[in-house]
C-alpha atoms as a PDB file:
ATOM      1  CA  MET A   1     131.669 186.603  64.197  1.00  0.00           C
ATOM      2  CA  ALA A   2     135.691 186.667  63.787  1.00  0.00           C
ATOM      3  CA  VAL A   3     136.592 183.578  61.615  1.00  0.00           C
ATOM      4  CA  ILE A   4     140.214 184.185  60.294  1.00  0.00           C
ATOM      5  CA  LYS A   5     142.088 182.225  57.540  1.00  0.00           C
ATOM      6  CA  PRO A   6     145.087 180.120  59.081  1.00  0.00           C
ATOM      7  CA  GLN A   7     147.276 182.337  56.525  1.00  0.00           C
ATOM      8  CA  GLY A   8     145.948 185.336  58.190  1.00  0.00           C
ATOM      9  CA  PHE A   9     146.569 184.101  61.802  1.00  0.00           C
ATOM     10  CA  GLU A  10     149.909 185.524  62.457  1.00  0.00           C
ATOM     11  CA  ALA A  11     148.948 188.879  61.666  1.00  0.00           C
ATOM     12  CA  ALA A  12     145.540 188.723  63.743  1.00  0.00           C
ATOM     13  CA  PHE A  13     147.184 186.983  66.684  1.00  0.00           C
ATOM     14  CA  GLY A  14     150.572 188.164  67.645  1.00  0.00           C
ATOM     15  CA  SER A  15     150.672 190.140  70.883  1.00  0.00           C
ATOM     16  CA  PRO A  16     148.403 191.725  73.775  1.00  0.00           C
ATOM     17  CA  SER A  17     148.123 194.860  71.554  1.00  0.00           C
ATOM     18  CA  SER A  18     146.825 193.003  68.597  1.00  0.00           C
ATOM     19  CA  LYS A  19     143.233 192.913  67.623  1.00  0.00           C
ATOM     20  CA  TYR A  20     142.362 189.794  69.246  1.00  0.00           C
ATOM     21  CA  LYS A  21     143.204 188.682  72.942  1.00  0.00           C
ATOM     22  CA  GLY A  22     142.183 185.044  72.545  1.00  0.00           C
ATOM     23  CA  ALA A  23     142.213 182.570  69.568  1.00  0.00           C
ATOM     24  CA  LEU A  24     140.782 179.083  69.064  1.00  0.00           C
ATOM     25  CA  LEU A  25     142.598 176.679  66.619  1.00  0.00           C
ATOM     26  CA  CYS A  26     140.602 173.680  65.564  1.00  0.00           C
ATOM     27  CA  GLY A  27     140.073 171.487  62.595  1.00  0.00           C
ATOM     28  CA  PRO A  28     141.117 168.037  61.306  1.00  0.00           C
ATOM     29  CA  ASN A  29     144.779 169.035  59.929  1.00  0.00           C
ATOM     30  CA  TRP A  30     146.603 168.661  63.281  1.00  0.00           C
ATOM     31  CA  GLU A  31     149.949 169.407  61.579  1.00  0.00           C
ATOM     32  CA  LEU A  32     148.801 173.001  60.583  1.00  0.00           C
ATOM     33  CA  LEU A  33     147.282 173.633  63.959  1.00  0.00           C
ATOM     34  CA  ASN A  34     150.419 172.651  65.698  1.00  0.00           C
ATOM     35  CA  ARG A  35     152.483 174.851  63.329  1.00  0.00           C
ATOM     36  CA  LEU A  36     150.186 177.880  63.978  1.00  0.00           C
ATOM     37  CA  LYS A  37     150.326 177.229  67.659  1.00  0.00           C
ATOM     38  CA  ASN A  38     154.243 177.006  67.602  1.00  0.00           C
ATOM     39  CA  LYS A  39     154.547 180.234  65.539  1.00  0.00           C
ATOM     40  CA  ALA A  40     152.094 182.151  67.918  1.00  0.00           C
ATOM     41  CA  VAL A  41     154.495 181.013  70.892  1.00  0.00           C
ATOM     42  CA  LYS A  42     157.569 182.252  68.882  1.00  0.00           C
ATOM     43  CA  ILE A  43     155.922 185.872  67.963  1.00  0.00           C
ATOM     44  CA  PHE A  44     154.978 186.138  71.507  1.00  0.00           C
ATOM     45  CA  THR A  45     158.407 185.331  72.999  1.00  0.00           C
ATOM     46  CA  SER A  46     160.171 187.656  70.428  1.00  0.00           C
ATOM     47  CA  ASN A  47     157.781 190.450  71.076  1.00  0.00           C
ATOM     48  CA  HIS A  48     157.855 189.748  74.860  1.00  0.00           C
ATOM     49  CA  PRO A  49     161.191 188.521  75.753  1.00  0.00           C
ATOM     50  CA  ASP A  50     160.189 189.077  79.452  1.00  0.00           C
ATOM     51  CA  GLY A  51     156.662 187.581  79.064  1.00  0.00           C
ATOM     52  CA  GLU A  52     155.510 184.336  80.547  1.00  0.00           C
ATOM     53  CA  VAL A  53     154.192 181.174  78.406  1.00  0.00           C
ATOM     54  CA  VAL A  54     151.665 179.188  80.645  1.00  0.00           C
ATOM     55  CA  ARG A  55     150.510 175.698  79.248  1.00  0.00           C
ATOM     56  CA  PHE A  56     147.618 173.866  80.418  1.00  0.00           C
ATOM     57  CA  SER A  57     146.984 170.188  79.023  1.00  0.00           C
ATOM     58  CA  ASP A  58     143.528 168.527  79.091  1.00  0.00           C
ATOM     59  CA  THR A  59     144.602 166.461  82.007  1.00  0.00           C
ATOM     60  CA  ASP A  60     145.886 169.675  84.164  1.00  0.00           C
ATOM     61  CA  LEU A  61     142.143 171.459  83.638  1.00  0.00           C
ATOM     62  CA  ALA A  62     139.986 168.307  83.922  1.00  0.00           C
ATOM     63  CA  ALA A  63     141.421 167.843  87.598  1.00  0.00           C
ATOM     64  CA  ASP A  64     140.730 171.603  88.501  1.00  0.00           C
ATOM     65  CA  THR A  65     138.698 173.527  85.606  1.00  0.00           C
ATOM     66  CA  GLY A  66     138.839 176.804  88.015  1.00  0.00           C
ATOM     67  CA  ARG A  67     142.570 177.090  87.290  1.00  0.00           C
ATOM     68  CA  LEU A  68     142.243 178.761  83.904  1.00  0.00           C
ATOM     69  CA  LEU A  69     140.052 181.558  84.981  1.00  0.00           C
ATOM     70  CA  GLU A  70     142.409 182.037  87.857  1.00  0.00           C
ATOM     71  CA  GLU A  71     145.638 181.967  85.760  1.00  0.00           C
ATOM     72  CA  LEU A  72     143.732 184.545  83.047  1.00  0.00           C
ATOM     73  CA  GLN A  73     142.847 187.036  85.568  1.00  0.00           C
ATOM     74  CA  SER A  74     146.005 187.039  87.900  1.00  0.00           C
ATOM     75  CA  ILE A  75     148.985 189.111  87.035  1.00  0.00           C
ATOM     76  CA  SER A  76     152.292 187.508  85.763  1.00  0.00           C
ATOM     77  CA  MET A  77     154.830 186.710  88.690  1.00  0.00           C
ATOM     78  CA  PHE A  78     157.339 188.838  86.872  1.00  0.00           C
ATOM     79  CA  GLY A  79     154.718 191.635  85.945  1.00  0.00           C
ATOM     80  CA  ALA A  80     154.956 190.935  82.239  1.00  0.00           C
ATOM     81  CA  ASP A  81     152.765 189.897  79.469  1.00  0.00           C
ATOM     82  CA  LYS A  82     151.388 186.316  79.555  1.00  0.00           C
ATOM     83  CA  LEU A  83     150.419 183.899  76.950  1.00  0.00           C
ATOM     84  CA  ILE A  84     148.210 180.971  77.974  1.00  0.00           C
ATOM     85  CA  LEU A  85     147.835 177.898  75.960  1.00  0.00           C
ATOM     86  CA  VAL A  86     145.211 175.369  76.539  1.00  0.00           C
ATOM     87  CA  ASP A  87     144.854 171.982  74.749  1.00  0.00           C
ATOM     88  CA  ALA A  88     141.106 171.221  75.018  1.00  0.00           C
ATOM     89  CA  ALA A  89     140.367 167.664  74.125  1.00  0.00           C
ATOM     90  CA  SER A  90     137.551 167.089  76.419  1.00  0.00           C
ATOM     91  CA  SER A  91     133.979 168.462  76.945  1.00  0.00           C
ATOM     92  CA  THR A  92     135.238 169.225  80.440  1.00  0.00           C
ATOM     93  CA  VAL A  93     137.782 171.485  79.314  1.00  0.00           C
ATOM     94  CA  HIS A  94     135.758 172.990  76.751  1.00  0.00           C
ATOM     95  CA  LYS A  95     133.279 174.098  79.524  1.00  0.00           C
ATOM     96  CA  ALA A  96     136.390 175.515  81.464  1.00  0.00           C
ATOM     97  CA  CYS A  97     137.168 177.710  78.423  1.00  0.00           C
ATOM     98  CA  ILE A  98     133.570 178.641  77.836  1.00  0.00           C
ATOM     99  CA  GLY A  99     133.168 179.846  81.689  1.00  0.00           C
ATOM    100  CA  ALA A 100     136.394 181.894  81.229  1.00  0.00           C
ATOM    101  CA  VAL A 101     135.259 183.441  77.995  1.00  0.00           C
ATOM    102  CA  SER A 102     132.181 184.587  79.534  1.00  0.00           C
ATOM    103  CA  VAL A 103     133.798 186.229  82.461  1.00  0.00           C
ATOM    104  CA  GLY A 104     136.732 187.865  80.524  1.00  0.00           C
ATOM    105  CA  TRP A 105     140.378 188.995  81.179  1.00  0.00           C
ATOM    106  CA  SER A 106     142.740 191.416  80.280  1.00  0.00           C
ATOM    107  CA  ASP A 107     146.550 191.976  79.899  1.00  0.00           C
ATOM    108  CA  CYS A 108     147.091 188.623  78.609  1.00  0.00           C
ATOM    109  CA  LEU A 109     146.725 186.359  75.626  1.00  0.00           C
ATOM    110  CA  LEU A 110     144.693 182.768  75.309  1.00  0.00           C
ATOM    111  CA  LEU A 111     145.287 180.302  72.614  1.00  0.00           C
ATOM    112  CA  VAL A 112     142.978 177.259  72.856  1.00  0.00           C
ATOM    113  CA  THR A 113     143.759 173.998  70.367  1.00  0.00           C
ATOM    114  CA  ALA A 114     140.969 171.612  69.834  1.00  0.00           C
ATOM    115  CA  GLY A 115     140.389 168.943  67.417  1.00  0.00           C
ATOM    116  CA  ASP A 116     137.745 169.239  64.670  1.00  0.00           C
ATOM    117  CA  LEU A 117     134.846 170.875  66.132  1.00  0.00           C
ATOM    118  CA  LYS A 118     131.375 170.926  64.397  1.00  0.00           C
ATOM    119  CA  LYS A 119     129.981 174.426  63.835  1.00  0.00           C
ATOM    120  CA  SER A 120     127.535 173.308  66.773  1.00  0.00           C
ATOM    121  CA  SER A 121     130.244 172.920  69.044  1.00  0.00           C
ATOM    122  CA  PRO A 122     129.576 175.337  72.066  1.00  0.00           C
ATOM    123  CA  LEU A 123     133.416 175.990  72.433  1.00  0.00           C
ATOM    124  CA  ARG A 124     133.528 177.090  68.982  1.00  0.00           C
ATOM    125  CA  LYS A 125     130.095 179.134  69.231  1.00  0.00           C
ATOM    126  CA  GLU A 126     131.682 181.054  71.974  1.00  0.00           C
ATOM    127  CA  PHE A 127     134.615 182.264  69.924  1.00  0.00           C
ATOM    128  CA  GLU A 128     133.124 183.044  66.952  1.00  0.00           C
ATOM    129  CA  ALA A 129     130.353 185.107  68.707  1.00  0.00           C
ATOM    130  CA  SER A 130     132.998 187.381  70.579  1.00  0.00           C
ATOM    131  CA  PRO A 131     134.439 190.279  68.593  1.00  0.00           C
ATOM    132  CA  ASP A 132     137.437 190.035  70.776  1.00  0.00           C
ATOM    133  CA  LEU A 133     138.436 186.621  70.021  1.00  0.00           C
ATOM    134  CA  ALA A 134     139.232 184.851  66.773  1.00  0.00           C
ATOM    135  CA  THR A 135     138.799 181.243  65.338  1.00  0.00           C
ATOM    136  CA  ALA A 136     141.008 179.759  62.721  1.00  0.00           C
ATOM    137  CA  ILE A 137     139.810 176.470  61.215  1.00  0.00           C
ATOM    138  CA  CYS A 138     142.690 174.047  60.075  1.00  0.00           C
ATOM    139  CA  PHE A 139     141.160 172.037  57.217  1.00  0.00           C
ATOM    140  CA  GLU A 140     143.338 169.797  55.096  1.00  0.00           C
ATOM    141  CA  GLN A 141     145.439 171.417  52.696  1.00  0.00           C
ATOM    142  CA  SER A 142     144.895 170.747  48.881  1.00  0.00           C
ATOM    143  CA  VAL A 143     147.497 170.052  46.450  1.00  0.00           C
ATOM    144  CA  GLY A 144     147.596 173.648  45.307  1.00  0.00           C
ATOM    145  CA  GLU A 145     148.223 174.916  48.859  1.00  0.00           C
ATOM    146  CA  LEU A 146     150.916 172.342  49.295  1.00  0.00           C
ATOM    147  CA  LEU A 147     152.933 173.438  46.293  1.00  0.00           C
ATOM    148  CA  GLU A 148     152.507 177.213  47.198  1.00  0.00           C
ATOM    149  CA  TYR A 149     153.972 176.414  50.737  1.00  0.00           C
ATOM    150  CA  ALA A 150     156.652 174.296  49.112  1.00  0.00           C
ATOM    151  CA  ALA A 151     157.998 177.108  46.902  1.00  0.00           C
ATOM    152  CA  THR A 152     157.572 179.593  49.662  1.00  0.00           C
ATOM    153  CA  PHE A 153     159.392 177.503  52.173  1.00  0.00           C
ATOM    154  CA  MET A 154     162.531 177.130  49.764  1.00  0.00           C
ATOM    155  CA  SER A 155     162.394 180.680  48.774  1.00  0.00           C
ATOM    156  CA  GLY A 156     162.617 181.377  52.621  1.00  0.00           C
ATOM    157  CA  LEU A 157     165.710 179.405  52.852  1.00  0.00           C
ATOM    158  CA  ASN A 158     167.383 181.113  49.726  1.00  0.00           C
ATOM    159  CA  VAL A 159     167.208 177.864  47.632  1.00  0.00           C
ATOM    160  CA  ALA A 160     165.972 177.803  44.073  1.00  0.00           C
ATOM    161  CA  ILE A 161     163.988 174.870  43.112  1.00  0.00           C
ATOM    162  CA  ASP A 162     162.207 173.986  39.723  1.00  0.00           C
ATOM    163  CA  ARG A 163     158.492 173.750  39.670  1.00  0.00           C
ATOM    164  CA  GLU A 164     158.791 169.924  38.549  1.00  0.00           C
ATOM    165  CA  ALA A 165     160.942 169.091  41.465  1.00  0.00           C
ATOM    166  CA  ILE A 166     158.313 170.747  43.939  1.00  0.00           C
ATOM    167  CA  GLU A 167     155.476 168.849  42.238  1.00  0.00           C
ATOM    168  CA  LEU A 168     157.553 165.681  42.620  1.00  0.00           C
ATOM    169  CA  VAL A 169     157.983 166.104  46.400  1.00  0.00           C
ATOM    170  CA  VAL A 170     154.314 167.125  46.794  1.00  0.00           C
ATOM    171  CA  ASP A 171     153.180 164.056  44.858  1.00  0.00           C
ATOM    172  CA  ALA A 172     155.684 161.619  46.745  1.00  0.00           C
ATOM    173  CA  VAL A 173     154.631 162.916  50.508  1.00  0.00           C
ATOM    174  CA  GLY A 174     150.739 162.044  49.617  1.00  0.00           C
ATOM    175  CA  GLY A 175     149.649 165.382  50.713  1.00  0.00           C
ATOM    176  CA  ASN A 176     151.286 165.001  54.437  1.00  0.00           C
ATOM    177  CA  ALA A 177     152.291 168.294  55.148  1.00  0.00           C
ATOM    178  CA  ALA A 178     154.566 167.539  57.972  1.00  0.00           C
ATOM    179  CA  LEU A 179     156.564 165.021  55.645  1.00  0.00           C
ATOM    180  CA  LEU A 180     156.602 167.691  52.866  1.00  0.00           C
ATOM    181  CA  GLN A 181     158.513 170.072  55.281  1.00  0.00           C
ATOM    182  CA  SER A 182     160.922 167.393  56.323  1.00  0.00           C
ATOM    183  CA  GLU A 183     161.511 166.469  52.655  1.00  0.00           C
ATOM    184  CA  LEU A 184     161.997 169.914  51.664  1.00  0.00           C
ATOM    185  CA  THR A 185     164.653 170.590  54.526  1.00  0.00           C
ATOM    186  CA  LYS A 186     166.672 167.665  52.986  1.00  0.00           C
ATOM    187  CA  LEU A 187     166.595 169.046  49.674  1.00  0.00           C
ATOM    188  CA  ALA A 188     167.715 172.582  50.883  1.00  0.00           C
ATOM    189  CA  SER A 189     170.481 170.760  53.063  1.00  0.00           C
ATOM    190  CA  TYR A 190     171.717 169.115  49.835  1.00  0.00           C
ATOM    191  CA  ALA A 191     171.563 172.462  47.715  1.00  0.00           C
ATOM    192  CA  GLY A 192     172.959 174.746  50.494  1.00  0.00           C
ATOM    193  CA  GLU A 193     171.923 178.391  50.865  1.00  0.00           C
ATOM    194  CA  GLY A 194     171.984 180.204  47.537  1.00  0.00           C
ATOM    195  CA  GLY A 195     172.056 176.915  45.603  1.00  0.00           C
ATOM    196  CA  SER A 196     169.300 175.247  43.576  1.00  0.00           C
ATOM    197  CA  VAL A 197     167.518 171.797  43.248  1.00  0.00           C
ATOM    198  CA  SER A 198     166.338 170.305  39.970  1.00  0.00           C
ATOM    199  CA  LEU A 199     163.990 167.612  39.148  1.00  0.00           C
ATOM    200  CA  ALA A 200     166.993 165.145  38.864  1.00  0.00           C
ATOM    201  CA  ASP A 201     167.995 166.237  42.256  1.00  0.00           C
ATOM    202  CA  ALA A 202     164.804 165.685  43.808  1.00  0.00           C
ATOM    203  CA  THR A 203     164.217 162.332  42.172  1.00  0.00           C
ATOM    204  CA  GLU A 204     167.595 161.126  43.445  1.00  0.00           C
ATOM    205  CA  ILE A 205     167.153 162.463  46.975  1.00  0.00           C
ATOM    206  CA  ILE A 206     163.628 161.430  47.742  1.00  0.00           C
ATOM    207  CA  ALA A 207     163.993 157.868  46.062  1.00  0.00           C
ATOM    208  CA  GLY A 208     163.089 155.139  48.351  1.00  0.00           C
ATOM    209  CA  ASN A 209     161.727 157.259  51.341  1.00  0.00           C
ATOM    210  CA  GLU A 210     158.256 155.930  50.619  1.00  0.00           C
ATOM    211  CA  ALA A 211     158.559 153.396  53.227  1.00  0.00           C
ATOM    212  CA  ALA A 212     159.772 155.788  55.725  1.00  0.00           C
ATOM    213  CA  SER A 213     156.791 158.405  55.163  1.00  0.00           C
ATOM    214  CA  MET A 214     154.282 159.061  57.725  1.00  0.00           C
ATOM    215  CA  ASP A 215     151.955 157.385  55.172  1.00  0.00           C
ATOM    216  CA  GLY A 216     153.919 154.409  54.793  1.00  0.00           C
ATOM    217  CA  LEU A 217     153.571 153.978  58.823  1.00  0.00           C
ATOM    218  CA  ILE A 218     149.832 154.634  58.807  1.00  0.00           C
ATOM    219  CA  ASP A 219     149.260 152.020  55.935  1.00  0.00           C
ATOM    220  CA  ALA A 220     151.619 149.423  57.810  1.00  0.00           C
ATOM    221  CA  VAL A 221     149.450 149.769  61.123  1.00  0.00           C
ATOM    222  CA  PHE A 222     146.068 149.785  59.710  1.00  0.00           C
ATOM    223  CA  SER A 223     146.720 147.184  57.080  1.00  0.00           C
ATOM    224  CA  GLY A 224     148.078 144.694  60.006  1.00  0.00           C
ATOM    225  CA  ARG A 225     151.588 144.510  59.311  1.00  0.00           C
ATOM    226  CA  PRO A 226     153.537 144.910  62.287  1.00  0.00           C
ATOM    227  CA  ASP A 227     157.075 144.337  60.489  1.00  0.00           C
ATOM    228  CA  ALA A 228     156.704 146.958  58.236  1.00  0.00           C
ATOM    229  CA  ALA A 229     155.305 149.180  60.945  1.00  0.00           C
ATOM    230  CA  VAL A 230     158.178 148.717  63.230  1.00  0.00           C
ATOM    231  CA  HIS A 231     160.622 149.524  60.160  1.00  0.00           C
ATOM    232  CA  ALA A 232     158.695 152.698  59.418  1.00  0.00           C
ATOM    233  CA  VAL A 233     158.540 154.058  62.854  1.00  0.00           C
ATOM    234  CA  THR A 234     162.330 153.365  63.401  1.00  0.00           C
ATOM    235  CA  THR A 235     163.282 155.340  60.490  1.00  0.00           C
ATOM    236  CA  LEU A 236     160.890 158.319  61.394  1.00  0.00           C
ATOM    237  CA  GLN A 237     162.664 158.356  64.733  1.00  0.00           C
ATOM    238  CA  GLN A 238     166.128 158.312  62.989  1.00  0.00           C
ATOM    239  CA  GLN A 239     164.887 161.174  60.799  1.00  0.00           C
ATOM    240  CA  GLY A 240     164.097 163.254  63.941  1.00  0.00           C
ATOM    241  CA  GLN A 241     160.405 162.805  63.975  1.00  0.00           C
ATOM    242  CA  GLN A 242     158.752 163.443  67.363  1.00  0.00           C
ATOM    243  CA  PRO A 243     156.718 160.924  68.976  1.00  0.00           C
ATOM    244  CA  ALA A 244     153.854 163.037  69.515  1.00  0.00           C
ATOM    245  CA  SER A 245     153.741 163.750  65.782  1.00  0.00           C
ATOM    246  CA  VAL A 246     153.542 159.998  64.901  1.00  0.00           C
ATOM    247  CA  LEU A 247     150.735 159.326  67.347  1.00  0.00           C
ATOM    248  CA  ILE A 248     148.750 162.499  66.171  1.00  0.00           C
ATOM    249  CA  ALA A 249     149.042 161.231  62.554  1.00  0.00           C
ATOM    250  CA  LEU A 250     147.856 157.834  63.566  1.00  0.00           C
ATOM    251  CA  THR A 251     145.044 159.620  65.506  1.00  0.00           C
ATOM    252  CA  ASN A 252     143.903 161.620  62.735  1.00  0.00           C
ATOM    253  CA  HIS A 253     143.880 158.718  60.300  1.00  0.00           C
ATOM    254  CA  CYS A 254     141.933 156.583  62.756  1.00  0.00           C
ATOM    255  CA  THR A 255     139.523 159.062  63.613  1.00  0.00           C
ATOM    256  CA  LEU A 256     138.774 159.241  59.625  1.00  0.00           C
ATOM    257  CA  LEU A 257     138.416 155.775  59.181  1.00  0.00           C
ATOM    258  CA  VAL A 258     136.206 155.205  62.255  1.00  0.00           C
ATOM    259  CA  GLU A 259     133.945 158.042  60.552  1.00  0.00           C
ATOM    260  CA  MET A 260     133.992 156.258  57.422  1.00  0.00           C
ATOM    261  CA  ALA A 261     133.265 153.059  58.790  1.00  0.00           C
ATOM    262  CA  GLY A 262     130.202 154.412  60.455  1.00  0.00           C
ATOM    263  CA  ALA A 263     129.233 155.670  56.888  1.00  0.00           C
ATOM    264  CA  MET A 264     129.512 152.075  55.727  1.00  0.00           C
ATOM    265  CA  GLU A 265     126.881 151.059  58.104  1.00  0.00           C
ATOM    266  CA  THR A 266     124.237 152.508  55.604  1.00  0.00           C
ATOM    267  CA  GLY A 267     125.711 149.831  53.075  1.00  0.00           C
ATOM    268  CA  ARG A 268     127.843 152.185  51.027  1.00  0.00           C
ATOM    269  CA  ARG A 269     130.740 150.680  49.326  1.00  0.00           C
ATOM    270  CA  PRO A 270     134.259 151.730  50.786  1.00  0.00           C
ATOM    271  CA  ASP A 271     135.760 152.976  47.417  1.00  0.00           C
ATOM    272  CA  ALA A 272     132.722 155.307  46.946  1.00  0.00           C
ATOM    273  CA  ILE A 273     132.783 156.689  50.615  1.00  0.00           C
ATOM    274  CA  VAL A 274     136.417 157.530  49.956  1.00  0.00           C
ATOM    275  CA  LYS A 275     136.152 159.156  46.691  1.00  0.00           C
ATOM    276  CA  GLU A 276     133.139 161.325  47.821  1.00  0.00           C
ATOM    277  CA  TRP A 277     134.552 162.109  51.155  1.00  0.00           C
ATOM    278  CA  ARG A 278     134.602 165.965  52.302  1.00  0.00           C
ATOM    279  CA  PRO A 279     137.081 167.431  52.679  1.00  0.00           C
ATOM    280  CA  PRO A 280     138.512 165.566  49.700  1.00  0.00           C
ATOM    281  CA  ILE A 281     141.130 162.692  50.138  1.00  0.00           C
ATOM    282  CA  PHE A 282     144.158 162.949  48.148  1.00  0.00           C
ATOM    283  CA  PHE A 283     143.632 160.913  45.212  1.00  0.00           C
ATOM    284  CA  LYS A 284     146.638 158.733  45.609  1.00  0.00           C
ATOM    285  CA  ARG A 285     145.471 157.744  48.997  1.00  0.00           C
ATOM    286  CA  HIS A 286     142.061 156.428  47.811  1.00  0.00           C
ATOM    287  CA  ASN A 287     142.810 152.594  47.259  1.00  0.00           C
ATOM    288  CA  ALA A 288     144.900 152.440  50.421  1.00  0.00           C
ATOM    289  CA  LEU A 289     141.804 153.719  52.723  1.00  0.00           C
ATOM    290  CA  ALA A 290     139.421 151.790  50.701  1.00  0.00           C
ATOM    291  CA  GLY A 291     141.473 148.627  51.454  1.00  0.00           C
ATOM    292  CA  GLN A 292     141.808 149.589  55.069  1.00  0.00           C
ATOM    293  CA  LEU A 293     137.816 150.029  55.411  1.00  0.00           C
ATOM    294  CA  ARG A 294     137.449 146.479  53.837  1.00  0.00           C
ATOM    295  CA  SER A 295     139.717 144.716  56.400  1.00  0.00           C
ATOM    296  CA  CYS A 296     138.834 146.820  59.544  1.00  0.00           C
ATOM    297  CA  SER A 297     135.806 146.780  61.348  1.00  0.00           C
ATOM    298  CA  LEU A 298     134.091 149.483  63.079  1.00  0.00           C
ATOM    299  CA  GLN A 299     134.474 148.051  66.463  1.00  0.00           C
ATOM    300  CA  GLN A 300     138.086 147.110  65.537  1.00  0.00           C
ATOM    301  CA  LEU A 301     138.909 150.720  64.779  1.00  0.00           C
ATOM    302  CA  GLN A 302     137.089 152.196  68.043  1.00  0.00           C
ATOM    303  CA  THR A 303     139.556 149.901  69.962  1.00  0.00           C
ATOM    304  CA  VAL A 304     142.437 151.190  68.365  1.00  0.00           C
ATOM    305  CA  ALA A 305     141.088 154.656  68.714  1.00  0.00           C
ATOM    306  CA  GLU A 306     140.716 154.092  72.480  1.00  0.00           C
ATOM    307  CA  ARG A 307     144.414 152.804  72.666  1.00  0.00           C
ATOM    308  CA  LEU A 308     145.551 155.712  70.817  1.00  0.00           C
ATOM    309  CA  ARG A 309     143.910 157.992  73.403  1.00  0.00           C
ATOM    310  CA  ILE A 310     145.730 156.140  76.403  1.00  0.00           C
ATOM    311  CA  ALA A 311     149.210 156.188  74.115  1.00  0.00           C
ATOM    312  CA  ASN A 312     148.995 160.050  73.694  1.00  0.00           C
ATOM    313  CA  SER A 313     148.109 160.545  77.508  1.00  0.00           C
ATOM    314  CA  ASP A 314     151.218 158.467  78.345  1.00  0.00           C
ATOM    315  CA  VAL A 315     153.451 160.540  75.890  1.00  0.00           C
ATOM    316  CA  ARG A 316     152.216 163.741  77.536  1.00  0.00           C
ATOM    317  CA  ARG A 317     152.882 162.313  81.153  1.00  0.00           C
ATOM    318  CA  LYS A 318     156.398 160.623  80.449  1.00  0.00           C
ATOM    319  CA  PRO A 319     158.459 162.652  78.251  1.00  0.00           C
ATOM    320  CA  MET A 320     161.622 160.984  78.937  1.00  0.00           C
ATOM    321  CA  VAL A 321     160.417 157.402  77.740  1.00  0.00           C
ATOM    322  CA  ASN A 322     157.796 158.535  75.128  1.00  0.00           C
ATOM    323  CA  TRP A 323     159.198 156.807  72.094  1.00  0.00           C
ATOM    324  CA  PRO A 324     159.207 153.376  73.756  1.00  0.00           C
ATOM    325  CA  VAL A 325     155.188 154.182  74.300  1.00  0.00           C
ATOM    326  CA  ALA A 326     154.723 154.956  70.636  1.00  0.00           C
ATOM    327  CA  GLU A 327     156.616 151.850  69.399  1.00  0.00           C
ATOM    328  CA  ARG A 328     154.441 149.845  71.856  1.00  0.00           C
ATOM    329  CA  PHE A 329     151.398 151.098  70.523  1.00  0.00           C
ATOM    330  CA  VAL A 330     152.544 150.684  66.812  1.00  0.00           C
ATOM    331  CA  ILE A 331     153.329 147.045  67.550  1.00  0.00           C
ATOM    332  CA  SER A 332     150.259 146.330  69.394  1.00  0.00           C
ATOM    333  CA  ALA A 333     147.895 147.881  66.899  1.00  0.00           C
ATOM    334  CA  ALA A 334     149.344 146.530  64.006  1.00  0.00           C
ATOM    335  CA  SER A 335     149.331 142.957  65.447  1.00  0.00           C
ATOM    336  CA  SER A 336     145.622 143.100  66.535  1.00  0.00           C
ATOM    337  CA  LEU A 337     144.525 144.309  63.313  1.00  0.00           C
ATOM    338  CA  ARG A 338     146.649 141.506  61.631  1.00  0.00           C
ATOM    339  CA  ARG A 339     144.897 139.046  63.897  1.00  0.00           C
ATOM    340  CA  ALA A 340     141.622 140.264  62.834  1.00  0.00           C
ATOM    341  CA  ARG A 341     142.146 140.042  58.972  1.00  0.00           C
END
């Protein structure tokens, strides 16, 4: 069984000469999952400048599941090392990955990314059973982990920052790791290389950013406030956020609400469900989630989840118009939930 911590992923999965020839990234923390995937690509291209990176979307392999094994067993057209990336969102693609693992390959790396897989998932069990493959579970990060990440991030940029300032920023982003990095980057730009950030600096710079945060967008959508949602998504776009990141954040939150709403079918109260949820929900988000559970039914949330699936697919297929797609979804979802209130 080869389950590695996300912190050790870089060392364990770097090149075809490393310990593992394949890895599965899964779990509810899509921001961390995508960060690790991007890091793997960066390491591979750095170590193998002539190497080839092949990407398969869920749609690619759903149409022809045999393409994955063919690519794994074929020699790169340039005769160089190869990294194959697979986004496995459907059971059909899971089966394609399992089939490829059972046959095996050499001289290339396979990196599969999936959502929050249960321990009983055949795909997860297949990777965990092989000594040549690794699995990294990307759980939601705790406040302590975010504080440690923030300190390391700023140190890497050669910027000194007071502990109180770090705590303020982590608290302001409500546990959102993607937004945390964005806010830290702003602080680093303000200080400049070799500079420092005090608590007063952080307070001044991040003041007023709550409405523009990803949580601000999420709350606007799932509280049925389309005007606030449009404002938030526009500001996120201006700040450089990618539409895929916005839809992923909304998808993660909707999935969480669907699971919680399902738990309410047993008669449990929304606030009790949120408080007792595992992995734990950041305490400052408790009231927002409980309120959304009170105002949105399970059927309404399932409808939004299906619309999100379609929107995510449209963004992948139409990269030139993906922001309009994301914006249309935000308006539609928030408006539908407002009508339902």
